[in-house]
Amino acid sequence: MTLSPIPADLRLLAPSFAARFAALIAELIGFIALRLVRHPTLATLTPLLCRRLQRVARIITNTMARIAAGRRPRIDLRRNRARTPRPASAALPASAGWLLRELKHEAALTRLRLETLLAEPGIAELLAVVPTLQRVLNPLRRALAIGHAVRAVKPPALPPTPQPQPAKPQLRFVHFARTL
């Protein structure tokens, strides 16, 4: 089947978007491998997180390849249910910006690049063609706090500066002599 509603310029943009997105994900996986392995509580989650990021990149790449070829994009978000269930301790954190807080400036760089990529007019239109891609991107957006308010760490409160006391008016006594 051909996709008539997708203009030719968007079909030409699809491979470029897929390549740029895959490069961002590869860069993020490299940062994760460097930083989270040394983090005691998140080191066990590193392989799970990397597999999920690779899966998102693969879904985006395959979908964009189908769009570029003029075929209807097909995304199957169902997972193979034959796998053994994972223990509850192997779940990734769900709070907004958790990866941003753990990776600090590396994730901030990736976040900025990803926000810029997703905000481009052609890319926004391309993602609007396949609404299921929004569901694929949402966990990554939540982990990097894209579209969420970033909770900044407050600096320690400084002690209040003492306010200068107003000067007391000096009273002058004037002695008037009584004259008769």
N, C-alpha and C. Protein backbone atom coordinates (compact mmCIF):
# COMPACT_ATOMS: atom_id res chain seq x y z
N MET A 1 0.84 -1.19 0.00
CA MET A 1 0.00 0.00 0.00
C MET A 1 0.88 1.24 0.00
N THR A 2 0.44 2.24 -0.70
CA THR A 2 1.16 3.49 -0.69
C THR A 2 0.48 4.44 0.28
N LEU A 3 1.25 5.34 0.78
CA LEU A 3 0.74 6.34 1.71
C LEU A 3 0.49 7.62 0.95
N SER A 4 -0.74 7.90 0.63
CA SER A 4 -1.03 9.12 -0.12
C SER A 4 -0.96 10.38 0.73
N PRO A 5 -1.34 10.35 2.04
CA PRO A 5 -1.31 11.60 2.78
C PRO A 5 0.09 12.11 3.12
N ILE A 6 1.11 11.27 3.00
CA ILE A 6 2.46 11.72 3.35
C ILE A 6 3.09 12.37 2.13
N PRO A 7 3.42 13.65 2.22
CA PRO A 7 4.08 14.32 1.10
C PRO A 7 5.47 13.73 0.84
N ALA A 8 5.93 13.94 -0.38
CA ALA A 8 7.23 13.39 -0.78
C ALA A 8 8.37 13.96 0.04
N ASP A 9 8.28 15.24 0.42
CA ASP A 9 9.38 15.82 1.20
C ASP A 9 9.49 15.19 2.58
N LEU A 10 8.36 14.79 3.17
CA LEU A 10 8.41 14.10 4.46
C LEU A 10 8.97 12.69 4.29
N ARG A 11 8.64 12.03 3.17
CA ARG A 11 9.20 10.70 2.92
C ARG A 11 10.71 10.78 2.73
N LEU A 12 11.18 11.87 2.15
CA LEU A 12 12.61 12.05 1.99
C LEU A 12 13.29 12.39 3.32
N LEU A 13 12.55 12.99 4.23
CA LEU A 13 13.08 13.38 5.53
C LEU A 13 13.19 12.19 6.49
N ALA A 14 12.40 11.14 6.27
CA ALA A 14 12.33 10.00 7.19
C ALA A 14 13.68 9.31 7.41
N PRO A 15 14.46 8.98 6.36
CA PRO A 15 15.75 8.32 6.64
C PRO A 15 16.72 9.21 7.41
N SER A 16 16.70 10.50 7.12
CA SER A 16 17.58 11.42 7.83
C SER A 16 17.22 11.47 9.31
N PHE A 17 15.93 11.54 9.60
CA PHE A 17 15.48 11.55 11.00
C PHE A 17 15.90 10.27 11.70
N ALA A 18 15.71 9.12 11.03
CA ALA A 18 16.05 7.84 11.65
C ALA A 18 17.54 7.76 11.95
N ALA A 19 18.38 8.24 11.03
CA ALA A 19 19.83 8.19 11.25
C ALA A 19 20.24 9.12 12.39
N ARG A 20 19.68 10.32 12.44
CA ARG A 20 20.03 11.26 13.51
C ARG A 20 19.54 10.76 14.86
N PHE A 21 18.35 10.18 14.88
CA PHE A 21 17.80 9.65 16.13
C PHE A 21 18.64 8.47 16.62
N ALA A 22 19.02 7.58 15.71
CA ALA A 22 19.84 6.43 16.09
C ALA A 22 21.20 6.88 16.62
N ALA A 23 21.77 7.94 16.04
CA ALA A 23 23.05 8.46 16.53
C ALA A 23 22.90 9.03 17.94
N LEU A 24 21.79 9.72 18.20
CA LEU A 24 21.54 10.25 19.55
C LEU A 24 21.40 9.13 20.57
N ILE A 25 20.68 8.08 20.19
CA ILE A 25 20.50 6.96 21.11
C ILE A 25 21.83 6.25 21.36
N ALA A 26 22.64 6.08 20.31
CA ALA A 26 23.95 5.45 20.50
C ALA A 26 24.82 6.28 21.43
N GLU A 27 24.76 7.60 21.28
CA GLU A 27 25.52 8.48 22.17
C GLU A 27 25.04 8.36 23.61
N LEU A 28 23.72 8.32 23.79
CA LEU A 28 23.15 8.18 25.13
C LEU A 28 23.53 6.84 25.75
N ILE A 29 23.53 5.78 24.97
CA ILE A 29 23.93 4.47 25.49
C ILE A 29 25.39 4.49 25.91
N GLY A 30 26.22 5.20 25.18
CA GLY A 30 27.63 5.34 25.57
C GLY A 30 27.77 6.06 26.89
N PHE A 31 27.00 7.13 27.09
CA PHE A 31 27.03 7.86 28.37
C PHE A 31 26.56 6.96 29.50
N ILE A 32 25.52 6.19 29.24
CA ILE A 32 24.98 5.30 30.26
C ILE A 32 26.02 4.24 30.64
N ALA A 33 26.67 3.70 29.63
CA ALA A 33 27.69 2.67 29.91
C ALA A 33 28.84 3.23 30.74
N LEU A 34 29.18 4.48 30.52
CA LEU A 34 30.28 5.07 31.27
C LEU A 34 29.90 5.44 32.70
N ARG A 35 28.71 6.00 32.88
CA ARG A 35 28.36 6.56 34.18
C ARG A 35 27.57 5.62 35.08
N LEU A 36 26.55 4.96 34.53
CA LEU A 36 25.67 4.17 35.40
C LEU A 36 26.30 2.88 35.88
N VAL A 37 27.33 2.39 35.19
CA VAL A 37 27.98 1.16 35.63
C VAL A 37 28.64 1.38 36.99
N ARG A 38 29.09 2.60 37.23
CA ARG A 38 29.74 2.91 38.51
C ARG A 38 28.73 3.26 39.60
N HIS A 39 27.48 3.41 39.23
CA HIS A 39 26.44 3.76 40.21
C HIS A 39 25.93 2.46 40.83
N PRO A 40 26.05 2.31 42.15
CA PRO A 40 25.75 1.01 42.76
C PRO A 40 24.31 0.54 42.60
N THR A 41 23.35 1.43 42.70
CA THR A 41 21.96 0.97 42.63
C THR A 41 21.46 0.84 41.19
N LEU A 42 22.02 1.59 40.27
CA LEU A 42 21.54 1.56 38.89
C LEU A 42 22.39 0.69 37.98
N ALA A 43 23.49 0.16 38.47
CA ALA A 43 24.38 -0.66 37.62
C ALA A 43 23.65 -1.90 37.11
N THR A 44 22.77 -2.47 37.91
CA THR A 44 22.05 -3.67 37.47
C THR A 44 21.01 -3.34 36.41
N LEU A 45 20.59 -2.09 36.34
CA LEU A 45 19.58 -1.70 35.36
C LEU A 45 20.18 -1.27 34.02
N THR A 46 21.49 -1.14 33.96
CA THR A 46 22.14 -0.65 32.74
C THR A 46 21.84 -1.53 31.52
N PRO A 47 21.95 -2.86 31.60
CA PRO A 47 21.62 -3.66 30.41
C PRO A 47 20.16 -3.52 29.99
N LEU A 48 19.25 -3.48 30.96
CA LEU A 48 17.83 -3.31 30.65
C LEU A 48 17.57 -1.98 29.95
N LEU A 49 18.15 -0.93 30.47
CA LEU A 49 17.97 0.40 29.89
C LEU A 49 18.56 0.47 28.48
N CYS A 50 19.73 -0.11 28.30
CA CYS A 50 20.35 -0.09 26.97
C CYS A 50 19.53 -0.88 25.96
N ARG A 51 18.99 -2.02 26.38
CA ARG A 51 18.13 -2.81 25.47
C ARG A 51 16.88 -2.04 25.09
N ARG A 52 16.28 -1.34 26.05
CA ARG A 52 15.09 -0.55 25.74
C ARG A 52 15.39 0.59 24.79
N LEU A 53 16.50 1.25 25.00
CA LEU A 53 16.87 2.34 24.10
C LEU A 53 17.16 1.82 22.70
N GLN A 54 17.83 0.67 22.61
CA GLN A 54 18.09 0.07 21.30
C GLN A 54 16.79 -0.33 20.62
N ARG A 55 15.83 -0.80 21.39
CA ARG A 55 14.53 -1.18 20.83
C ARG A 55 13.80 0.05 20.28
N VAL A 56 13.85 1.17 21.02
CA VAL A 56 13.22 2.40 20.54
C VAL A 56 13.88 2.85 19.25
N ALA A 57 15.20 2.80 19.18
CA ALA A 57 15.91 3.20 17.96
C ALA A 57 15.55 2.27 16.80
N ARG A 58 15.44 0.99 17.08
CA ARG A 58 15.08 0.03 16.02
C ARG A 58 13.67 0.27 15.51
N ILE A 59 12.72 0.54 16.40
CA ILE A 59 11.35 0.81 15.99
C ILE A 59 11.29 2.07 15.13
N ILE A 60 11.98 3.13 15.57
CA ILE A 60 11.99 4.37 14.79
C ILE A 60 12.62 4.15 13.43
N THR A 61 13.75 3.44 13.38
CA THR A 61 14.44 3.20 12.11
C THR A 61 13.56 2.39 11.16
N ASN A 62 12.94 1.32 11.65
CA ASN A 62 12.09 0.49 10.80
C ASN A 62 10.87 1.26 10.30
N THR A 63 10.27 2.05 11.18
CA THR A 63 9.09 2.82 10.79
C THR A 63 9.45 3.87 9.74
N MET A 64 10.56 4.55 9.94
CA MET A 64 10.97 5.57 8.97
C MET A 64 11.36 4.94 7.63
N ALA A 65 11.92 3.74 7.67
CA ALA A 65 12.25 3.04 6.42
C ALA A 65 10.98 2.69 5.65
N ARG A 66 9.96 2.27 6.35
CA ARG A 66 8.68 1.95 5.70
C ARG A 66 8.04 3.22 5.12
N ILE A 67 8.12 4.32 5.86
CA ILE A 67 7.55 5.58 5.36
C ILE A 67 8.32 6.03 4.12
N ALA A 68 9.65 5.94 4.15
CA ALA A 68 10.47 6.36 3.01
C ALA A 68 10.18 5.50 1.78
N ALA A 69 9.84 4.23 2.00
CA ALA A 69 9.53 3.34 0.89
C ALA A 69 8.10 3.53 0.40
N GLY A 70 7.32 4.33 1.08
CA GLY A 70 5.94 4.58 0.67
C GLY A 70 4.96 3.54 1.17
N ARG A 71 5.38 2.75 2.14
CA ARG A 71 4.49 1.73 2.69
C ARG A 71 3.89 2.22 4.01
N ARG A 72 2.80 1.62 4.38
CA ARG A 72 2.12 1.98 5.61
C ARG A 72 2.97 1.57 6.81
N PRO A 73 3.23 2.51 7.73
CA PRO A 73 4.02 2.16 8.91
C PRO A 73 3.26 1.19 9.80
N ARG A 74 3.99 0.23 10.32
CA ARG A 74 3.37 -0.79 11.16
C ARG A 74 4.23 -0.92 12.41
N ILE A 75 3.61 -0.68 13.55
CA ILE A 75 4.33 -0.78 14.81
C ILE A 75 3.56 -1.74 15.70
N ASP A 76 4.25 -2.76 16.14
CA ASP A 76 3.65 -3.74 17.05
C ASP A 76 4.30 -3.54 18.42
N LEU A 77 3.56 -2.96 19.34
CA LEU A 77 4.11 -2.69 20.67
C LEU A 77 3.94 -3.86 21.63
N ARG A 78 3.27 -4.91 21.18
CA ARG A 78 3.13 -6.08 22.04
C ARG A 78 4.47 -6.77 22.19
N ARG A 79 4.72 -7.25 23.35
CA ARG A 79 5.98 -7.95 23.62
C ARG A 79 5.73 -9.44 23.59
N ASN A 80 6.79 -10.15 23.44
CA ASN A 80 6.72 -11.60 23.48
C ASN A 80 6.39 -12.02 24.92
N ARG A 81 5.23 -12.57 25.12
CA ARG A 81 4.78 -12.92 26.47
C ARG A 81 5.36 -14.25 26.96
N ALA A 82 6.13 -14.94 26.13
CA ALA A 82 6.70 -16.22 26.53
C ALA A 82 7.93 -16.04 27.43
N ARG A 83 8.42 -14.84 27.55
CA ARG A 83 9.59 -14.60 28.39
C ARG A 83 9.26 -14.81 29.87
N THR A 84 10.29 -15.11 30.60
CA THR A 84 10.08 -15.25 32.04
C THR A 84 9.87 -13.87 32.64
N PRO A 85 8.99 -13.76 33.61
CA PRO A 85 8.76 -12.44 34.20
C PRO A 85 9.99 -11.92 34.93
N ARG A 86 10.19 -10.65 34.82
CA ARG A 86 11.31 -9.98 35.47
C ARG A 86 10.95 -9.69 36.91
N PRO A 87 11.91 -9.76 37.82
CA PRO A 87 11.60 -9.38 39.20
C PRO A 87 11.26 -7.90 39.29
N ALA A 88 10.48 -7.54 40.29
CA ALA A 88 10.04 -6.15 40.45
C ALA A 88 11.22 -5.21 40.67
N SER A 89 12.32 -5.71 41.19
CA SER A 89 13.47 -4.86 41.45
C SER A 89 14.17 -4.44 40.15
N ALA A 90 13.84 -5.08 39.02
CA ALA A 90 14.49 -4.77 37.76
C ALA A 90 13.73 -3.71 36.96
N ALA A 91 12.81 -3.02 37.58
CA ALA A 91 12.06 -1.99 36.88
C ALA A 91 12.85 -0.69 36.86
N LEU A 92 12.73 0.01 35.76
CA LEU A 92 13.40 1.30 35.65
C LEU A 92 12.65 2.34 36.46
N PRO A 93 13.33 3.34 36.97
CA PRO A 93 12.62 4.41 37.69
C PRO A 93 11.61 5.09 36.76
N ALA A 94 10.53 5.58 37.33
CA ALA A 94 9.48 6.16 36.52
C ALA A 94 9.33 7.67 36.72
N SER A 95 10.12 8.26 37.59
CA SER A 95 9.95 9.69 37.85
C SER A 95 10.48 10.50 36.67
N ALA A 96 9.89 11.65 36.47
CA ALA A 96 10.27 12.52 35.37
C ALA A 96 11.69 13.05 35.61
N GLY A 97 12.54 12.88 34.61
CA GLY A 97 13.89 13.41 34.68
C GLY A 97 14.88 12.56 35.45
N TRP A 98 14.57 11.30 35.72
CA TRP A 98 15.47 10.49 36.54
C TRP A 98 16.82 10.27 35.84
N LEU A 99 16.81 10.06 34.54
CA LEU A 99 18.06 9.85 33.82
C LEU A 99 18.86 11.15 33.74
N LEU A 100 18.16 12.24 33.66
CA LEU A 100 18.80 13.55 33.65
C LEU A 100 19.51 13.81 34.98
N ARG A 101 18.87 13.42 36.08
CA ARG A 101 19.49 13.61 37.40
C ARG A 101 20.70 12.70 37.59
N GLU A 102 20.67 11.50 37.03
CA GLU A 102 21.76 10.55 37.24
C GLU A 102 22.96 10.84 36.33
N LEU A 103 22.70 11.20 35.08
CA LEU A 103 23.80 11.41 34.13
C LEU A 103 24.29 12.85 34.08
N LYS A 104 23.56 13.74 34.69
CA LYS A 104 23.94 15.15 34.79
C LYS A 104 24.11 15.77 33.40
N HIS A 105 25.30 16.34 33.12
CA HIS A 105 25.48 17.14 31.91
C HIS A 105 25.47 16.30 30.63
N GLU A 106 25.82 15.01 30.69
CA GLU A 106 25.77 14.19 29.49
C GLU A 106 24.32 14.02 29.02
N ALA A 107 23.43 13.76 29.96
CA ALA A 107 22.02 13.62 29.59
C ALA A 107 21.43 14.96 29.20
N ALA A 108 21.90 16.04 29.80
CA ALA A 108 21.40 17.35 29.43
C ALA A 108 21.76 17.67 27.98
N LEU A 109 22.95 17.27 27.56
CA LEU A 109 23.35 17.47 26.17
C LEU A 109 22.47 16.66 25.23
N THR A 110 22.24 15.40 25.57
CA THR A 110 21.38 14.55 24.75
C THR A 110 19.95 15.08 24.74
N ARG A 111 19.49 15.55 25.89
CA ARG A 111 18.14 16.11 25.98
C ARG A 111 18.00 17.32 25.06
N LEU A 112 18.97 18.20 25.07
CA LEU A 112 18.92 19.38 24.23
C LEU A 112 18.90 19.00 22.75
N ARG A 113 19.75 18.05 22.37
CA ARG A 113 19.79 17.62 20.97
C ARG A 113 18.49 16.93 20.56
N LEU A 114 17.94 16.12 21.45
CA LEU A 114 16.70 15.42 21.13
C LEU A 114 15.53 16.39 21.06
N GLU A 115 15.47 17.35 21.97
CA GLU A 115 14.42 18.37 21.91
C GLU A 115 14.48 19.15 20.60
N THR A 116 15.70 19.50 20.19
CA THR A 116 15.88 20.24 18.95
C THR A 116 15.44 19.41 17.76
N LEU A 117 15.80 18.13 17.77
CA LEU A 117 15.42 17.25 16.68
C LEU A 117 13.91 17.07 16.59
N LEU A 118 13.27 16.84 17.73
CA LEU A 118 11.83 16.60 17.73
C LEU A 118 11.02 17.86 17.46
N ALA A 119 11.61 19.03 17.68
CA ALA A 119 10.89 20.28 17.48
C ALA A 119 10.98 20.80 16.04
N GLU A 120 11.82 20.20 15.22
CA GLU A 120 11.91 20.65 13.84
C GLU A 120 10.56 20.47 13.16
N PRO A 121 10.15 21.43 12.33
CA PRO A 121 8.81 21.38 11.73
C PRO A 121 8.55 20.11 10.93
N GLY A 122 9.48 19.68 10.11
CA GLY A 122 9.26 18.48 9.32
C GLY A 122 9.16 17.23 10.17
N ILE A 123 9.97 17.18 11.22
CA ILE A 123 9.98 16.01 12.10
C ILE A 123 8.68 15.94 12.89
N ALA A 124 8.22 17.08 13.37
CA ALA A 124 6.96 17.11 14.11
C ALA A 124 5.81 16.62 13.22
N GLU A 125 5.81 17.02 11.95
CA GLU A 125 4.78 16.55 11.02
C GLU A 125 4.93 15.06 10.75
N LEU A 126 6.17 14.61 10.62
CA LEU A 126 6.43 13.19 10.36
C LEU A 126 5.97 12.33 11.52
N LEU A 127 6.23 12.77 12.74
CA LEU A 127 5.78 12.01 13.91
C LEU A 127 4.27 12.07 14.08
N ALA A 128 3.65 13.13 13.58
CA ALA A 128 2.19 13.23 13.66
C ALA A 128 1.51 12.24 12.72
N VAL A 129 2.22 11.82 11.67
CA VAL A 129 1.65 10.85 10.73
C VAL A 129 1.45 9.50 11.41
N VAL A 130 2.37 9.15 12.30
CA VAL A 130 2.29 7.87 13.01
C VAL A 130 2.16 8.17 14.50
N PRO A 131 0.93 8.29 15.00
CA PRO A 131 0.76 8.65 16.42
C PRO A 131 1.32 7.62 17.40
N THR A 132 1.48 6.38 16.97
CA THR A 132 2.01 5.36 17.86
C THR A 132 3.45 5.66 18.23
N LEU A 133 4.16 6.38 17.38
CA LEU A 133 5.54 6.73 17.72
C LEU A 133 5.62 7.60 18.97
N GLN A 134 4.57 8.36 19.23
CA GLN A 134 4.55 9.16 20.46
C GLN A 134 4.61 8.24 21.68
N ARG A 135 3.89 7.12 21.62
CA ARG A 135 3.92 6.16 22.73
C ARG A 135 5.28 5.52 22.87
N VAL A 136 5.97 5.33 21.76
CA VAL A 136 7.31 4.75 21.80
C VAL A 136 8.29 5.73 22.43
N LEU A 137 8.13 7.02 22.12
CA LEU A 137 9.06 8.04 22.60
C LEU A 137 8.76 8.52 24.03
N ASN A 138 7.57 8.30 24.52
CA ASN A 138 7.19 8.84 25.83
C ASN A 138 8.09 8.40 26.99
N PRO A 139 8.48 7.12 27.12
CA PRO A 139 9.38 6.78 28.24
C PRO A 139 10.72 7.50 28.17
N LEU A 140 11.25 7.68 26.96
CA LEU A 140 12.51 8.40 26.80
C LEU A 140 12.31 9.87 27.15
N ARG A 141 11.21 10.44 26.72
CA ARG A 141 10.91 11.83 27.06
C ARG A 141 10.78 12.01 28.57
N ARG A 142 10.12 11.07 29.22
CA ARG A 142 9.94 11.16 30.67
C ARG A 142 11.28 11.02 31.40
N ALA A 143 12.12 10.10 30.94
CA ALA A 143 13.42 9.88 31.59
C ALA A 143 14.33 11.10 31.45
N LEU A 144 14.20 11.83 30.34
CA LEU A 144 15.03 13.01 30.11
C LEU A 144 14.29 14.31 30.43
N ALA A 145 13.08 14.20 30.93
CA ALA A 145 12.25 15.36 31.31
C ALA A 145 12.00 16.28 30.12
N ILE A 146 11.76 15.70 28.96
CA ILE A 146 11.39 16.49 27.80
C ILE A 146 9.88 16.68 27.85
N GLY A 147 9.46 17.92 27.93
CA GLY A 147 8.05 18.21 28.05
C GLY A 147 7.56 18.19 29.49
N HIS A 148 8.46 17.97 30.42
CA HIS A 148 8.14 17.99 31.83
C HIS A 148 8.91 19.15 32.47
N ALA A 149 8.38 19.64 33.53
CA ALA A 149 9.10 20.68 34.26
C ALA A 149 10.29 20.03 34.96
N VAL A 150 11.44 20.57 34.73
CA VAL A 150 12.64 20.04 35.37
C VAL A 150 12.73 20.62 36.77
N ARG A 151 12.78 19.74 37.73
CA ARG A 151 12.86 20.19 39.11
C ARG A 151 14.31 20.51 39.43
N ALA A 152 14.57 21.76 39.54
CA ALA A 152 15.94 22.20 39.81
C ALA A 152 16.26 22.00 41.29
N VAL A 153 17.49 21.72 41.53
CA VAL A 153 17.94 21.59 42.91
C VAL A 153 18.15 22.99 43.45
N LYS A 154 17.52 23.26 44.57
CA LYS A 154 17.65 24.59 45.16
C LYS A 154 19.00 24.74 45.83
N PRO A 155 19.65 25.87 45.62
CA PRO A 155 20.91 26.08 46.34
C PRO A 155 20.62 26.29 47.82
N PRO A 156 21.58 26.05 48.67
CA PRO A 156 21.33 26.25 50.09
C PRO A 156 20.97 27.71 50.36
N ALA A 157 20.06 27.86 51.27
CA ALA A 157 19.59 29.22 51.59
C ALA A 157 20.70 30.00 52.29
N LEU A 158 20.86 31.21 51.85
CA LEU A 158 21.84 32.08 52.48
C LEU A 158 21.22 32.72 53.71
N PRO A 159 22.02 32.99 54.72
CA PRO A 159 21.44 33.66 55.88
C PRO A 159 20.97 35.05 55.47
N PRO A 160 19.91 35.49 56.06
CA PRO A 160 19.40 36.81 55.69
C PRO A 160 20.42 37.90 56.02
N THR A 161 20.50 38.84 55.13
CA THR A 161 21.43 39.95 55.38
C THR A 161 20.79 40.89 56.40
N PRO A 162 21.56 41.33 57.34
CA PRO A 162 20.99 42.23 58.36
C PRO A 162 20.61 43.56 57.70
N GLN A 163 19.43 43.98 58.03
CA GLN A 163 18.95 45.27 57.51
C GLN A 163 19.54 46.39 58.37
N PRO A 164 19.98 47.44 57.73
CA PRO A 164 20.52 48.56 58.54
C PRO A 164 19.40 49.18 59.36
N GLN A 165 19.73 49.45 60.58
CA GLN A 165 18.75 50.06 61.48
C GLN A 165 18.59 51.53 61.10
N PRO A 166 17.37 51.99 61.10
CA PRO A 166 17.19 53.41 60.79
C PRO A 166 17.84 54.27 61.89
N ALA A 167 18.41 55.33 61.46
CA ALA A 167 19.08 56.23 62.42
C ALA A 167 18.03 56.89 63.31
N LYS A 168 18.33 56.89 64.60
CA LYS A 168 17.40 57.53 65.53
C LYS A 168 17.58 59.04 65.42
N PRO A 169 16.50 59.75 65.40
CA PRO A 169 16.64 61.20 65.33
C PRO A 169 17.26 61.73 66.62
N GLN A 170 18.17 62.61 66.44
CA GLN A 170 18.82 63.19 67.61
C GLN A 170 18.01 64.39 68.06
N LEU A 171 17.70 64.36 69.30
CA LEU A 171 16.92 65.46 69.86
C LEU A 171 17.87 66.55 70.36
N ARG A 172 17.54 67.77 70.01
CA ARG A 172 18.35 68.90 70.46
C ARG A 172 17.47 69.75 71.38
N PHE A 173 18.04 69.98 72.46
CA PHE A 173 17.32 70.84 73.38
C PHE A 173 17.87 72.26 73.23
N VAL A 174 16.98 73.09 72.97
CA VAL A 174 17.36 74.50 72.84
C VAL A 174 16.84 75.22 74.07
N HIS A 175 17.72 75.90 74.71
CA HIS A 175 17.33 76.61 75.92
C HIS A 175 17.05 78.06 75.55
N PHE A 176 15.86 78.39 75.80
CA PHE A 176 15.48 79.79 75.54
C PHE A 176 15.51 80.55 76.86
N ALA A 177 16.13 81.63 76.85
CA ALA A 177 16.18 82.48 78.05
C ALA A 177 14.95 83.35 78.05
N ARG A 178 14.42 83.44 79.21
CA ARG A 178 13.26 84.31 79.34
C ARG A 178 13.72 85.73 79.55
N THR A 179 13.27 86.49 78.77
CA THR A 179 13.62 87.91 78.97
C THR A 179 12.40 88.66 79.42
N LEU A 180 12.62 89.58 80.32
CA LEU A 180 11.54 90.46 80.80
C LEU A 180 11.83 91.86 80.55
